[in-house]
Amino acid sequence: MKIKNFIYIFLACYLATFLRLSIDNNFIISIIGSFFVGFIISKRLSYSVEKILLSGFFSCFTSFSGFIYFLYKIINQGDWIKLIIFSNLIIIVNLFMMYFGSWISRKIT
């Protein structure tokens, strides 16, 4: 990969981190990110653009650490049933949103 692409990935990460901090809701961020990842994957973009968006922007925007921190707070409360429900709900909703984004992308093109 060219050095120019690394700079674009860096800028995409910076923008995604800024947006993530301005939204400040892990569940909403993961839903938005899953939708757009599905949308981007179905577009069949060039390798460089796909890496910039998926590895740069969306990996920082939907960071896994936000999801784990959310579950960690539930564990500290000692509510194991809530932990099981939320972890499964988040995964199912995100998979659905990724599929929905992919479906929308295919319908548009």
PDB file of N, CA and C in Angstrom:
ATOM      1  N   MET A   1       0.842  -1.171   0.000  1.00  0.00           N
ATOM      2  CA  MET A   1       0.000   0.000   0.000  1.00  0.00           C
ATOM      3  C   MET A   1       0.891   1.239   0.000  1.00  0.00           C
ATOM      4  N   LYS A   2       0.468   2.250  -0.683  1.00  0.00           N
ATOM      5  CA  LYS A   2       1.247   3.476  -0.816  1.00  0.00           C
ATOM      6  C   LYS A   2       1.169   4.318   0.452  1.00  0.00           C
ATOM      7  N   ILE A   3       2.172   5.145   0.647  1.00  0.00           N
ATOM      8  CA  ILE A   3       2.223   6.031   1.814  1.00  0.00           C
ATOM      9  C   ILE A   3       1.039   6.987   1.830  1.00  0.00           C
ATOM     10  N   LYS A   4       0.581   7.383   0.657  1.00  0.00           N
ATOM     11  CA  LYS A   4      -0.576   8.285   0.565  1.00  0.00           C
ATOM     12  C   LYS A   4      -1.813   7.627   1.188  1.00  0.00           C
ATOM     13  N   ASN A   5      -1.973   6.326   0.987  1.00  0.00           N
ATOM     14  CA  ASN A   5      -3.112   5.621   1.563  1.00  0.00           C
ATOM     15  C   ASN A   5      -3.029   5.559   3.091  1.00  0.00           C
ATOM     16  N   PHE A   6      -1.812   5.427   3.631  1.00  0.00           N
ATOM     17  CA  PHE A   6      -1.651   5.450   5.081  1.00  0.00           C
ATOM     18  C   PHE A   6      -2.053   6.809   5.657  1.00  0.00           C
ATOM     19  N   ILE A   7      -1.752   7.852   4.950  1.00  0.00           N
ATOM     20  CA  ILE A   7      -2.152   9.194   5.390  1.00  0.00           C
ATOM     21  C   ILE A   7      -3.672   9.316   5.358  1.00  0.00           C
ATOM     22  N   TYR A   8      -4.297   8.784   4.314  1.00  0.00           N
ATOM     23  CA  TYR A   8      -5.764   8.804   4.238  1.00  0.00           C
ATOM     24  C   TYR A   8      -6.394   7.986   5.361  1.00  0.00           C
ATOM     25  N   ILE A   9      -5.797   6.841   5.676  1.00  0.00           N
ATOM     26  CA  ILE A   9      -6.298   6.021   6.785  1.00  0.00           C
ATOM     27  C   ILE A   9      -6.178   6.793   8.093  1.00  0.00           C
ATOM     28  N   PHE A  10      -5.053   7.463   8.297  1.00  0.00           N
ATOM     29  CA  PHE A  10      -4.855   8.271   9.500  1.00  0.00           C
ATOM     30  C   PHE A  10      -5.908   9.368   9.603  1.00  0.00           C
ATOM     31  N   LEU A  11      -6.173  10.058   8.511  1.00  0.00           N
ATOM     32  CA  LEU A  11      -7.183  11.126   8.518  1.00  0.00           C
ATOM     33  C   LEU A  11      -8.584  10.557   8.762  1.00  0.00           C
ATOM     34  N   ALA A  12      -8.869   9.391   8.187  1.00  0.00           N
ATOM     35  CA  ALA A  12     -10.166   8.748   8.408  1.00  0.00           C
ATOM     36  C   ALA A  12     -10.322   8.352   9.878  1.00  0.00           C
ATOM     37  N   CYS A  13      -9.248   7.860  10.481  1.00  0.00           N
ATOM     38  CA  CYS A  13      -9.283   7.505  11.912  1.00  0.00           C
ATOM     39  C   CYS A  13      -9.525   8.743  12.772  1.00  0.00           C
ATOM     40  N   TYR A  14      -8.878   9.821  12.428  1.00  0.00           N
ATOM     41  CA  TYR A  14      -9.037  11.064  13.175  1.00  0.00           C
ATOM     42  C   TYR A  14     -10.486  11.556  13.102  1.00  0.00           C
ATOM     43  N   LEU A  15     -11.050  11.560  11.905  1.00  0.00           N
ATOM     44  CA  LEU A  15     -12.430  12.004  11.726  1.00  0.00           C
ATOM     45  C   LEU A  15     -13.401  11.085  12.472  1.00  0.00           C
ATOM     46  N   ALA A  16     -13.186   9.785  12.394  1.00  0.00           N
ATOM     47  CA  ALA A  16     -14.065   8.826  13.058  1.00  0.00           C
ATOM     48  C   ALA A  16     -14.012   8.982  14.573  1.00  0.00           C
ATOM     49  N   THR A  17     -12.833   9.196  15.099  1.00  0.00           N
ATOM     50  CA  THR A  17     -12.693   9.392  16.543  1.00  0.00           C
ATOM     51  C   THR A  17     -13.407  10.661  16.991  1.00  0.00           C
ATOM     52  N   PHE A  18     -13.298  11.717  16.230  1.00  0.00           N
ATOM     53  CA  PHE A  18     -14.000  12.960  16.535  1.00  0.00           C
ATOM     54  C   PHE A  18     -15.513  12.743  16.528  1.00  0.00           C
ATOM     55  N   LEU A  19     -16.030  12.041  15.508  1.00  0.00           N
ATOM     56  CA  LEU A  19     -17.466  11.769  15.445  1.00  0.00           C
ATOM     57  C   LEU A  19     -17.924  10.886  16.594  1.00  0.00           C
ATOM     58  N   ARG A  20     -17.110   9.891  16.937  1.00  0.00           N
ATOM     59  CA  ARG A  20     -17.452   8.991  18.040  1.00  0.00           C
ATOM     60  C   ARG A  20     -17.577   9.761  19.352  1.00  0.00           C
ATOM     61  N   LEU A  21     -16.680  10.675  19.586  1.00  0.00           N
ATOM     62  CA  LEU A  21     -16.730  11.464  20.818  1.00  0.00           C
ATOM     63  C   LEU A  21     -17.913  12.423  20.830  1.00  0.00           C
ATOM     64  N   SER A  22     -18.323  12.885  19.674  1.00  0.00           N
ATOM     65  CA  SER A  22     -19.442  13.825  19.633  1.00  0.00           C
ATOM     66  C   SER A  22     -20.791  13.116  19.780  1.00  0.00           C
ATOM     67  N   ILE A  23     -20.881  11.844  19.398  1.00  0.00           N
ATOM     68  CA  ILE A  23     -22.148  11.118  19.543  1.00  0.00           C
ATOM     69  C   ILE A  23     -22.304  10.582  20.963  1.00  0.00           C
ATOM     70  N   ASP A  24     -21.278   9.942  21.514  1.00  0.00           N
ATOM     71  CA  ASP A  24     -21.244   9.496  22.909  1.00  0.00           C
ATOM     72  C   ASP A  24     -22.366   8.528  23.287  1.00  0.00           C
ATOM     73  N   ASN A  25     -22.705   7.606  22.400  1.00  0.00           N
ATOM     74  CA  ASN A  25     -23.673   6.555  22.704  1.00  0.00           C
ATOM     75  C   ASN A  25     -23.215   5.297  21.961  1.00  0.00           C
ATOM     76  N   ASN A  26     -22.669   4.336  22.705  1.00  0.00           N
ATOM     77  CA  ASN A  26     -22.079   3.151  22.084  1.00  0.00           C
ATOM     78  C   ASN A  26     -23.070   2.351  21.252  1.00  0.00           C
ATOM     79  N   PHE A  27     -24.296   2.228  21.714  1.00  0.00           N
ATOM     80  CA  PHE A  27     -25.284   1.427  20.986  1.00  0.00           C
ATOM     81  C   PHE A  27     -25.634   2.080  19.647  1.00  0.00           C
ATOM     82  N   ILE A  28     -25.870   3.380  19.644  1.00  0.00           N
ATOM     83  CA  ILE A  28     -26.186   4.105  18.410  1.00  0.00           C
ATOM     84  C   ILE A  28     -24.993   4.060  17.450  1.00  0.00           C
ATOM     85  N   ILE A  29     -23.802   4.228  17.971  1.00  0.00           N
ATOM     86  CA  ILE A  29     -22.604   4.185  17.142  1.00  0.00           C
ATOM     87  C   ILE A  29     -22.453   2.824  16.483  1.00  0.00           C
ATOM     88  N   SER A  30     -22.672   1.753  17.236  1.00  0.00           N
ATOM     89  CA  SER A  30     -22.506   0.421  16.661  1.00  0.00           C
ATOM     90  C   SER A  30     -23.560   0.137  15.599  1.00  0.00           C
ATOM     91  N   ILE A  31     -24.782   0.627  15.796  1.00  0.00           N
ATOM     92  CA  ILE A  31     -25.834   0.428  14.794  1.00  0.00           C
ATOM     93  C   ILE A  31     -25.512   1.199  13.513  1.00  0.00           C
ATOM     94  N   ILE A  32     -25.125   2.451  13.649  1.00  0.00           N
ATOM     95  CA  ILE A  32     -24.769   3.260  12.479  1.00  0.00           C
ATOM     96  C   ILE A  32     -23.576   2.643  11.747  1.00  0.00           C
ATOM     97  N   GLY A  33     -22.564   2.267  12.502  1.00  0.00           N
ATOM     98  CA  GLY A  33     -21.375   1.677  11.905  1.00  0.00           C
ATOM     99  C   GLY A  33     -21.663   0.370  11.199  1.00  0.00           C
ATOM    100  N   SER A  34     -22.468  -0.493  11.797  1.00  0.00           N
ATOM    101  CA  SER A  34     -22.799  -1.770  11.165  1.00  0.00           C
ATOM    102  C   SER A  34     -23.567  -1.565   9.872  1.00  0.00           C
ATOM    103  N   PHE A  35     -24.493  -0.613   9.872  1.00  0.00           N
ATOM    104  CA  PHE A  35     -25.247  -0.321   8.659  1.00  0.00           C
ATOM    105  C   PHE A  35     -24.312   0.113   7.531  1.00  0.00           C
ATOM    106  N   PHE A  36     -23.426   1.057   7.825  1.00  0.00           N
ATOM    107  CA  PHE A  36     -22.551   1.580   6.783  1.00  0.00           C
ATOM    108  C   PHE A  36     -21.463   0.594   6.367  1.00  0.00           C
ATOM    109  N   VAL A  37     -21.015  -0.273   7.269  1.00  0.00           N
ATOM    110  CA  VAL A  37     -20.058  -1.313   6.870  1.00  0.00           C
ATOM    111  C   VAL A  37     -20.720  -2.255   5.870  1.00  0.00           C
ATOM    112  N   GLY A  38     -21.956  -2.669   6.153  1.00  0.00           N
ATOM    113  CA  GLY A  38     -22.686  -3.491   5.195  1.00  0.00           C
ATOM    114  C   GLY A  38     -22.889  -2.774   3.876  1.00  0.00           C
ATOM    115  N   PHE A  39     -23.181  -1.497   3.945  1.00  0.00           N
ATOM    116  CA  PHE A  39     -23.378  -0.688   2.742  1.00  0.00           C
ATOM    117  C   PHE A  39     -22.086  -0.623   1.917  1.00  0.00           C
ATOM    118  N   ILE A  40     -20.959  -0.387   2.565  1.00  0.00           N
ATOM    119  CA  ILE A  40     -19.668  -0.250   1.895  1.00  0.00           C
ATOM    120  C   ILE A  40     -19.217  -1.583   1.293  1.00  0.00           C
ATOM    121  N   ILE A  41     -19.406  -2.666   2.029  1.00  0.00           N
ATOM    122  CA  ILE A  41     -18.972  -3.978   1.542  1.00  0.00           C
ATOM    123  C   ILE A  41     -19.695  -4.345   0.253  1.00  0.00           C
ATOM    124  N   SER A  42     -20.965  -4.019   0.146  1.00  0.00           N
ATOM    125  CA  SER A  42     -21.737  -4.365  -1.048  1.00  0.00           C
ATOM    126  C   SER A  42     -21.423  -3.479  -2.242  1.00  0.00           C
ATOM    127  N   LYS A  43     -20.763  -2.362  -2.032  1.00  0.00           N
ATOM    128  CA  LYS A  43     -20.456  -1.442  -3.127  1.00  0.00           C
ATOM    129  C   LYS A  43     -19.316  -1.925  -4.010  1.00  0.00           C
ATOM    130  N   ARG A  44     -18.503  -2.835  -3.537  1.00  0.00           N
ATOM    131  CA  ARG A  44     -17.353  -3.347  -4.294  1.00  0.00           C
ATOM    132  C   ARG A  44     -16.442  -2.208  -4.745  1.00  0.00           C
ATOM    133  N   LEU A  45     -15.955  -1.479  -3.791  1.00  0.00           N
ATOM    134  CA  LEU A  45     -15.050  -0.370  -4.054  1.00  0.00           C
ATOM    135  C   LEU A  45     -13.641  -0.893  -4.293  1.00  0.00           C
ATOM    136  N   SER A  46     -12.747  -0.007  -4.677  1.00  0.00           N
ATOM    137  CA  SER A  46     -11.361  -0.412  -4.880  1.00  0.00           C
ATOM    138  C   SER A  46     -10.746  -0.847  -3.551  1.00  0.00           C
ATOM    139  N   TYR A  47      -9.679  -1.604  -3.633  1.00  0.00           N
ATOM    140  CA  TYR A  47      -9.006  -2.113  -2.449  1.00  0.00           C
ATOM    141  C   TYR A  47      -8.572  -0.978  -1.522  1.00  0.00           C
ATOM    142  N   SER A  48      -8.012   0.066  -2.085  1.00  0.00           N
ATOM    143  CA  SER A  48      -7.521   1.186  -1.270  1.00  0.00           C
ATOM    144  C   SER A  48      -8.654   1.915  -0.566  1.00  0.00           C
ATOM    145  N   VAL A  49      -9.716   2.208  -1.277  1.00  0.00           N
ATOM    146  CA  VAL A  49     -10.853   2.924  -0.678  1.00  0.00           C
ATOM    147  C   VAL A  49     -11.507   2.061   0.397  1.00  0.00           C
ATOM    148  N   GLU A  50     -11.628   0.763   0.120  1.00  0.00           N
ATOM    149  CA  GLU A  50     -12.225  -0.136   1.106  1.00  0.00           C
ATOM    150  C   GLU A  50     -11.387  -0.197   2.380  1.00  0.00           C
ATOM    151  N   LYS A  51     -10.075  -0.254   2.247  1.00  0.00           N
ATOM    152  CA  LYS A  51      -9.195  -0.276   3.423  1.00  0.00           C
ATOM    153  C   LYS A  51      -9.272   1.039   4.194  1.00  0.00           C
ATOM    154  N   ILE A  52      -9.321   2.147   3.469  1.00  0.00           N
ATOM    155  CA  ILE A  52      -9.409   3.449   4.137  1.00  0.00           C
ATOM    156  C   ILE A  52     -10.701   3.538   4.941  1.00  0.00           C
ATOM    157  N   LEU A  53     -11.804   3.114   4.343  1.00  0.00           N
ATOM    158  CA  LEU A  53     -13.086   3.224   5.037  1.00  0.00           C
ATOM    159  C   LEU A  53     -13.248   2.182   6.138  1.00  0.00           C
ATOM    160  N   LEU A  54     -12.954   0.910   5.834  1.00  0.00           N
ATOM    161  CA  LEU A  54     -13.189  -0.153   6.805  1.00  0.00           C
ATOM    162  C   LEU A  54     -12.118  -0.206   7.889  1.00  0.00           C
ATOM    163  N   SER A  55     -10.856  -0.167   7.490  1.00  0.00           N
ATOM    164  CA  SER A  55      -9.780  -0.254   8.477  1.00  0.00           C
ATOM    165  C   SER A  55      -9.505   1.082   9.155  1.00  0.00           C
ATOM    166  N   GLY A  56      -9.785   2.153   8.469  1.00  0.00           N
ATOM    167  CA  GLY A  56      -9.532   3.475   9.034  1.00  0.00           C
ATOM    168  C   GLY A  56     -10.736   4.028   9.755  1.00  0.00           C
ATOM    169  N   PHE A  57     -11.734   4.409   8.985  1.00  0.00           N
ATOM    170  CA  PHE A  57     -12.871   5.119   9.563  1.00  0.00           C
ATOM    171  C   PHE A  57     -13.713   4.242  10.495  1.00  0.00           C
ATOM    172  N   PHE A  58     -14.246   3.143   9.979  1.00  0.00           N
ATOM    173  CA  PHE A  58     -15.212   2.381  10.767  1.00  0.00           C
ATOM    174  C   PHE A  58     -14.596   1.586  11.904  1.00  0.00           C
ATOM    175  N   SER A  59     -13.317   1.227  11.804  1.00  0.00           N
ATOM    176  CA  SER A  59     -12.699   0.547  12.937  1.00  0.00           C
ATOM    177  C   SER A  59     -12.518   1.500  14.117  1.00  0.00           C
ATOM    178  N   CYS A  60     -12.283   2.762  13.846  1.00  0.00           N
ATOM    179  CA  CYS A  60     -12.185   3.740  14.935  1.00  0.00           C
ATOM    180  C   CYS A  60     -13.561   4.202  15.399  1.00  0.00           C
ATOM    181  N   PHE A  61     -14.484   4.324  14.468  1.00  0.00           N
ATOM    182  CA  PHE A  61     -15.817   4.804  14.812  1.00  0.00           C
ATOM    183  C   PHE A  61     -16.566   3.804  15.687  1.00  0.00           C
ATOM    184  N   THR A  62     -16.513   2.541  15.353  1.00  0.00           N
ATOM    185  CA  THR A  62     -17.278   1.527  16.082  1.00  0.00           C
ATOM    186  C   THR A  62     -16.396   0.700  16.995  1.00  0.00           C
ATOM    187  N   SER A  63     -15.389   1.257  17.541  1.00  0.00           N
ATOM    188  CA  SER A  63     -14.360   0.497  18.247  1.00  0.00           C
ATOM    189  C   SER A  63     -14.949  -0.539  19.194  1.00  0.00           C
ATOM    190  N   PHE A  64     -14.336  -1.680  19.164  1.00  0.00           N
ATOM    191  CA  PHE A  64     -14.751  -2.811  19.983  1.00  0.00           C
ATOM    192  C   PHE A  64     -14.623  -2.497  21.468  1.00  0.00           C
ATOM    193  N   SER A  65     -13.690  -1.636  21.807  1.00  0.00           N
ATOM    194  CA  SER A  65     -13.486  -1.300  23.214  1.00  0.00           C
ATOM    195  C   SER A  65     -14.701  -0.597  23.812  1.00  0.00           C
ATOM    196  N   GLY A  66     -15.431   0.166  23.027  1.00  0.00           N
ATOM    197  CA  GLY A  66     -16.652   0.794  23.531  1.00  0.00           C
ATOM    198  C   GLY A  66     -17.704  -0.228  23.892  1.00  0.00           C
ATOM    199  N   PHE A  67     -17.832  -1.262  23.073  1.00  0.00           N
ATOM    200  CA  PHE A  67     -18.764  -2.356  23.330  1.00  0.00           C
ATOM    201  C   PHE A  67     -18.358  -3.119  24.594  1.00  0.00           C
ATOM    202  N   ILE A  68     -17.077  -3.419  24.728  1.00  0.00           N
ATOM    203  CA  ILE A  68     -16.587  -4.159  25.895  1.00  0.00           C
ATOM    204  C   ILE A  68     -16.739  -3.326  27.166  1.00  0.00           C
ATOM    205  N   TYR A  69     -16.481  -2.027  27.083  1.00  0.00           N
ATOM    206  CA  TYR A  69     -16.638  -1.164  28.258  1.00  0.00           C
ATOM    207  C   TYR A  69     -18.094  -1.128  28.719  1.00  0.00           C
ATOM    208  N   PHE A  70     -19.009  -1.085  27.770  1.00  0.00           N
ATOM    209  CA  PHE A  70     -20.434  -1.100  28.090  1.00  0.00           C
ATOM    210  C   PHE A  70     -20.796  -2.392  28.834  1.00  0.00           C
ATOM    211  N   LEU A  71     -20.313  -3.524  28.342  1.00  0.00           N
ATOM    212  CA  LEU A  71     -20.582  -4.805  29.013  1.00  0.00           C
ATOM    213  C   LEU A  71     -19.869  -4.889  30.363  1.00  0.00           C
ATOM    214  N   TYR A  72     -18.695  -4.317  30.464  1.00  0.00           N
ATOM    215  CA  TYR A  72     -17.950  -4.296  31.721  1.00  0.00           C
ATOM    216  C   TYR A  72     -18.716  -3.546  32.809  1.00  0.00           C
ATOM    217  N   LYS A  73     -19.346  -2.433  32.437  1.00  0.00           N
ATOM    218  CA  LYS A  73     -20.147  -1.684  33.417  1.00  0.00           C
ATOM    219  C   LYS A  73     -21.318  -2.532  33.922  1.00  0.00           C
ATOM    220  N   ILE A  74     -21.906  -3.335  33.053  1.00  0.00           N
ATOM    221  CA  ILE A  74     -23.008  -4.205  33.470  1.00  0.00           C
ATOM    222  C   ILE A  74     -22.497  -5.303  34.400  1.00  0.00           C
ATOM    223  N   ILE A  75     -21.319  -5.850  34.115  1.00  0.00           N
ATOM    224  CA  ILE A  75     -20.732  -6.878  34.987  1.00  0.00           C
ATOM    225  C   ILE A  75     -20.479  -6.300  36.372  1.00  0.00           C
ATOM    226  N   ASN A  76     -19.984  -5.073  36.449  1.00  0.00           N
ATOM    227  CA  ASN A  76     -19.724  -4.443  37.751  1.00  0.00           C
ATOM    228  C   ASN A  76     -20.996  -4.229  38.552  1.00  0.00           C
ATOM    229  N   GLN A  77     -22.126  -4.109  37.878  1.00  0.00           N
ATOM    230  CA  GLN A  77     -23.404  -3.991  38.568  1.00  0.00           C
ATOM    231  C   GLN A  77     -23.864  -5.340  39.097  1.00  0.00           C
ATOM    232  N   GLY A  78     -23.277  -6.432  38.591  1.00  0.00           N
ATOM    233  CA  GLY A  78     -23.635  -7.773  39.031  1.00  0.00           C
ATOM    234  C   GLY A  78     -24.914  -8.303  38.403  1.00  0.00           C
ATOM    235  N   ASP A  79     -25.387  -7.682  37.360  1.00  0.00           N
ATOM    236  CA  ASP A  79     -26.626  -8.086  36.708  1.00  0.00           C
ATOM    237  C   ASP A  79     -26.309  -9.001  35.520  1.00  0.00           C
ATOM    238  N   TRP A  80     -26.193 -10.302  35.780  1.00  0.00           N
ATOM    239  CA  TRP A  80     -25.766 -11.264  34.765  1.00  0.00           C
ATOM    240  C   TRP A  80     -26.833 -11.492  33.692  1.00  0.00           C
ATOM    241  N   ILE A  81     -28.074 -11.419  34.065  1.00  0.00           N
ATOM    242  CA  ILE A  81     -29.146 -11.594  33.073  1.00  0.00           C
ATOM    243  C   ILE A  81     -29.136 -10.418  32.094  1.00  0.00           C
ATOM    244  N   LYS A  82     -28.959  -9.222  32.615  1.00  0.00           N
ATOM    245  CA  LYS A  82     -28.868  -8.035  31.759  1.00  0.00           C
ATOM    246  C   LYS A  82     -27.657  -8.143  30.828  1.00  0.00           C
ATOM    247  N   LEU A  83     -26.547  -8.675  31.334  1.00  0.00           N
ATOM    248  CA  LEU A  83     -25.351  -8.866  30.514  1.00  0.00           C
ATOM    249  C   LEU A  83     -25.636  -9.809  29.350  1.00  0.00           C
ATOM    250  N   ILE A  84     -26.268 -10.922  29.608  1.00  0.00           N
ATOM    251  CA  ILE A  84     -26.579 -11.891  28.554  1.00  0.00           C
ATOM    252  C   ILE A  84     -27.547 -11.298  27.543  1.00  0.00           C
ATOM    253  N   ILE A  85     -28.560 -10.628  28.029  1.00  0.00           N
ATOM    254  CA  ILE A  85     -29.557 -10.026  27.122  1.00  0.00           C
ATOM    255  C   ILE A  85     -28.918  -8.954  26.252  1.00  0.00           C
ATOM    256  N   PHE A  86     -28.176  -8.033  26.860  1.00  0.00           N
ATOM    257  CA  PHE A  86     -27.581  -6.937  26.094  1.00  0.00           C
ATOM    258  C   PHE A  86     -26.521  -7.419  25.111  1.00  0.00           C
ATOM    259  N   SER A  87     -25.672  -8.355  25.529  1.00  0.00           N
ATOM    260  CA  SER A  87     -24.629  -8.817  24.612  1.00  0.00           C
ATOM    261  C   SER A  87     -25.233  -9.522  23.403  1.00  0.00           C
ATOM    262  N   ASN A  88     -26.246 -10.341  23.615  1.00  0.00           N
ATOM    263  CA  ASN A  88     -26.910 -10.995  22.489  1.00  0.00           C
ATOM    264  C   ASN A  88     -27.710 -10.007  21.651  1.00  0.00           C
ATOM    265  N   LEU A  89     -28.395  -9.100  22.297  1.00  0.00           N
ATOM    266  CA  LEU A  89     -29.188  -8.110  21.581  1.00  0.00           C
ATOM    267  C   LEU A  89     -28.307  -7.223  20.694  1.00  0.00           C
ATOM    268  N   ILE A  90     -27.196  -6.782  21.236  1.00  0.00           N
ATOM    269  CA  ILE A  90     -26.293  -5.925  20.475  1.00  0.00           C
ATOM    270  C   ILE A  90     -25.752  -6.662  19.256  1.00  0.00           C
ATOM    271  N   ILE A  91     -25.355  -7.906  19.432  1.00  0.00           N
ATOM    272  CA  ILE A  91     -24.814  -8.679  18.309  1.00  0.00           C
ATOM    273  C   ILE A  91     -25.884  -8.915  17.251  1.00  0.00           C
ATOM    274  N   ILE A  92     -27.079  -9.301  17.663  1.00  0.00           N
ATOM    275  CA  ILE A  92     -28.153  -9.574  16.707  1.00  0.00           C
ATOM    276  C   ILE A  92     -28.565  -8.311  15.964  1.00  0.00           C
ATOM    277  N   VAL A  93     -28.739  -7.219  16.672  1.00  0.00           N
ATOM    278  CA  VAL A  93     -29.138  -5.961  16.034  1.00  0.00           C
ATOM    279  C   VAL A  93     -28.063  -5.483  15.057  1.00  0.00           C
ATOM    280  N   ASN A  94     -26.791  -5.592  15.442  1.00  0.00           N
ATOM    281  CA  ASN A  94     -25.713  -5.160  14.556  1.00  0.00           C
ATOM    282  C   ASN A  94     -25.613  -6.038  13.314  1.00  0.00           C
ATOM    283  N   LEU A  95     -25.795  -7.338  13.463  1.00  0.00           N
ATOM    284  CA  LEU A  95     -25.795  -8.213  12.283  1.00  0.00           C
ATOM    285  C   LEU A  95     -26.960  -7.874  11.355  1.00  0.00           C
ATOM    286  N   PHE A  96     -28.115  -7.618  11.939  1.00  0.00           N
ATOM    287  CA  PHE A  96     -29.271  -7.226  11.131  1.00  0.00           C
ATOM    288  C   PHE A  96     -29.010  -5.907  10.403  1.00  0.00           C
ATOM    289  N   MET A  97     -28.448  -4.934  11.098  1.00  0.00           N
ATOM    290  CA  MET A  97     -28.176  -3.638  10.474  1.00  0.00           C
ATOM    291  C   MET A  97     -27.120  -3.753   9.375  1.00  0.00           C
ATOM    292  N   MET A  98     -26.136  -4.631   9.560  1.00  0.00           N
ATOM    293  CA  MET A  98     -25.141  -4.837   8.523  1.00  0.00           C
ATOM    294  C   MET A  98     -25.790  -5.466   7.291  1.00  0.00           C
ATOM    295  N   TYR A  99     -26.643  -6.433   7.510  1.00  0.00           N
ATOM    296  CA  TYR A  99     -27.366  -7.044   6.394  1.00  0.00           C
ATOM    297  C   TYR A  99     -28.274  -6.019   5.716  1.00  0.00           C
ATOM    298  N   PHE A 100     -28.959  -5.202   6.512  1.00  0.00           N
ATOM    299  CA  PHE A 100     -29.848  -4.179   5.976  1.00  0.00           C
ATOM    300  C   PHE A 100     -29.078  -3.162   5.141  1.00  0.00           C
ATOM    301  N   GLY A 101     -27.919  -2.736   5.619  1.00  0.00           N
ATOM    302  CA  GLY A 101     -27.086  -1.821   4.851  1.00  0.00           C
ATOM    303  C   GLY A 101     -26.617  -2.428   3.546  1.00  0.00           C
ATOM    304  N   SER A 102     -26.269  -3.705   3.577  1.00  0.00           N
ATOM    305  CA  SER A 102     -25.869  -4.417   2.363  1.00  0.00           C
ATOM    306  C   SER A 102     -27.041  -4.519   1.398  1.00  0.00           C
ATOM    307  N   TRP A 103     -28.204  -4.796   1.928  1.00  0.00           N
ATOM    308  CA  TRP A 103     -29.415  -4.919   1.101  1.00  0.00           C
ATOM    309  C   TRP A 103     -29.765  -3.587   0.438  1.00  0.00           C
ATOM    310  N   ILE A 104     -29.720  -2.518   1.207  1.00  0.00           N
ATOM    311  CA  ILE A 104     -29.997  -1.173   0.677  1.00  0.00           C
ATOM    312  C   ILE A 104     -28.990  -0.828  -0.417  1.00  0.00           C
ATOM    313  N   SER A 105     -27.726  -1.141  -0.183  1.00  0.00           N
ATOM    314  CA  SER A 105     -26.691  -0.841  -1.163  1.00  0.00           C
ATOM    315  C   SER A 105     -26.934  -1.581  -2.472  1.00  0.00           C
ATOM    316  N   ARG A 106     -27.342  -2.819  -2.398  1.00  0.00           N
ATOM    317  CA  ARG A 106     -27.624  -3.599  -3.617  1.00  0.00           C
ATOM    318  C   ARG A 106     -28.851  -3.071  -4.323  1.00  0.00           C
ATOM    319  N   LYS A 107     -29.839  -2.582  -3.600  1.00  0.00           N
ATOM    320  CA  LYS A 107     -31.051  -2.041  -4.213  1.00  0.00           C
ATOM    321  C   LYS A 107     -30.791  -0.712  -4.915  1.00  0.00           C
ATOM    322  N   ILE A 108     -29.867   0.060  -4.389  1.00  0.00           N
ATOM    323  CA  ILE A 108     -29.563   1.353  -4.981  1.00  0.00           C
ATOM    324  C   ILE A 108     -28.824   1.181  -6.305  1.00  0.00           C
ATOM    325  N   THR A 109     -27.915   0.201  -6.378  1.00  0.00           N
ATOM    326  CA  THR A 109     -27.130   0.025  -7.606  1.00  0.00           C
ATOM    327  C   THR A 109     -27.748  -0.954  -8.566  1.00  0.00           C
TER     328      THR A 109
END
